[in-house]
Amino acid sequence: KKNGYSDAQLAMCLSGDITEDDVRAKRKSFGITPSTKQIDTLAAEYPADTNYLYTTYHGMEDDVESQNGGVMVLGSGAYRIGSSIEFDWCGVS
């Protein structure tokens, strides 16, 4: 998962009748789940309590806990250096 492969892609690489759901169930049984991280908008100069979040398989713990089950945003795309996070956030608020 850290290399960016989806559960469906991993299932295609495995032999036999292994499905995406099989891979997902096994991954979850091993505790391999993404962490929710918070973008530090103040470059660590001051404590930042922002709602600019992303998920990653490279984290060990969540920076924030989801409330009310969380919200899924579809199609927002990846955050890149120089991208307008403010625009992305106002577009989904």
Protein backbone atom coordinates (compact mmCIF):
# COMPACT_ATOMS: atom_id res chain seq x y z
CA LYS A 1 0.00 0.00 0.00
CA LYS A 2 2.90 2.38 0.69
CA ASN A 3 3.84 2.12 -2.98
CA GLY A 4 0.38 3.28 -4.03
CA TYR A 5 -1.17 0.02 -5.21
CA SER A 6 -4.91 -0.36 -4.70
CA ASP A 7 -6.47 -3.49 -3.25
CA ALA A 8 -7.81 -4.27 -6.74
CA GLN A 9 -4.32 -4.03 -8.27
CA LEU A 10 -2.87 -6.27 -5.58
CA ALA A 11 -5.63 -8.83 -6.19
CA MET A 12 -4.77 -8.91 -9.91
CA CYS A 13 -1.12 -9.64 -9.07
CA LEU A 14 -1.98 -12.62 -6.87
CA SER A 15 -2.69 -16.04 -8.29
CA GLY A 16 -5.97 -17.87 -7.83
CA ASP A 17 -9.45 -16.49 -7.36
CA ILE A 18 -8.43 -13.72 -4.98
CA THR A 19 -10.70 -10.68 -5.16
CA GLU A 20 -10.31 -7.06 -4.13
CA ASP A 21 -12.55 -7.80 -1.13
CA ASP A 22 -10.26 -10.70 -0.11
CA VAL A 23 -7.21 -8.43 -0.21
CA ARG A 24 -9.02 -5.68 1.73
CA ALA A 25 -10.15 -8.12 4.43
CA LYS A 26 -6.63 -9.54 4.81
CA ARG A 27 -5.08 -6.05 4.88
CA LYS A 28 -7.49 -4.93 7.60
CA SER A 29 -6.89 -8.14 9.59
CA PHE A 30 -3.17 -7.22 9.63
CA GLY A 31 -4.04 -3.71 10.86
CA ILE A 32 -2.89 -2.04 7.65
CA THR A 33 -5.09 1.05 7.47
CA PRO A 34 -4.37 4.63 6.42
CA SER A 35 -3.65 7.36 8.96
CA THR A 36 -5.29 10.78 8.87
CA LYS A 37 -2.66 13.50 8.89
CA GLN A 38 -3.00 17.25 9.24
CA ILE A 39 -1.19 19.76 7.02
CA ASP A 40 0.84 22.20 9.11
CA THR A 41 -0.06 25.55 7.56
CA LEU A 42 2.16 27.52 9.95
CA ALA A 43 5.49 25.74 9.25
CA ALA A 44 5.70 24.62 12.91
CA GLU A 45 6.13 28.23 14.10
CA TYR A 46 2.92 28.03 16.11
CA PRO A 47 0.52 25.19 16.88
CA ALA A 48 -1.75 24.84 13.86
CA ASP A 49 -5.30 23.58 14.30
CA THR A 50 -6.44 23.49 10.69
CA ASN A 51 -8.90 21.30 8.86
CA TYR A 52 -6.58 20.58 5.93
CA LEU A 53 -6.30 16.80 6.16
CA TYR A 54 -5.05 13.91 4.04
CA THR A 55 -4.75 10.15 4.46
CA THR A 56 -1.57 8.15 4.02
CA TYR A 57 -0.23 4.65 4.58
CA HIS A 58 3.08 6.21 5.68
CA GLY A 59 1.78 7.30 9.09
CA MET A 60 1.72 5.39 12.37
CA GLU A 61 -1.09 7.32 14.08
CA ASP A 62 -3.86 9.79 13.31
CA ASP A 63 -3.24 13.50 13.88
CA VAL A 64 -6.97 14.00 14.46
CA GLU A 65 -9.80 11.62 15.32
CA SER A 66 -12.81 11.51 13.04
CA GLN A 67 -16.08 12.71 14.48
CA ASN A 68 -19.47 11.27 13.59
CA GLY A 69 -17.87 8.62 11.38
CA GLY A 70 -16.02 11.11 9.19
CA VAL A 71 -16.70 12.42 5.69
CA MET A 72 -15.46 11.08 2.36
CA VAL A 73 -14.58 13.60 -0.35
CA LEU A 74 -14.50 12.11 -3.83
CA GLY A 75 -12.47 13.61 -6.64
CA SER A 76 -10.53 16.27 -4.75
CA GLY A 77 -7.22 15.01 -6.15
CA ALA A 78 -3.79 14.92 -4.57
CA TYR A 79 -2.28 17.85 -2.71
CA ARG A 80 0.94 18.96 -4.35
CA ILE A 81 3.47 21.60 -3.42
CA GLY A 82 2.12 24.89 -4.71
CA SER A 83 -1.47 23.66 -5.05
CA SER A 84 -4.21 25.79 -3.64
CA ILE A 85 -5.36 23.89 -0.58
CA GLU A 86 -7.60 26.79 0.34
CA PHE A 87 -9.44 26.43 -2.96
CA ASP A 88 -9.80 22.67 -2.50
CA TRP A 89 -11.20 23.16 1.00
CA CYS A 90 -13.72 25.84 0.03
CA GLY A 91 -14.81 23.63 -2.86
CA VAL A 92 -15.85 20.83 -0.52
CA SER A 93 -17.10 22.84 2.47
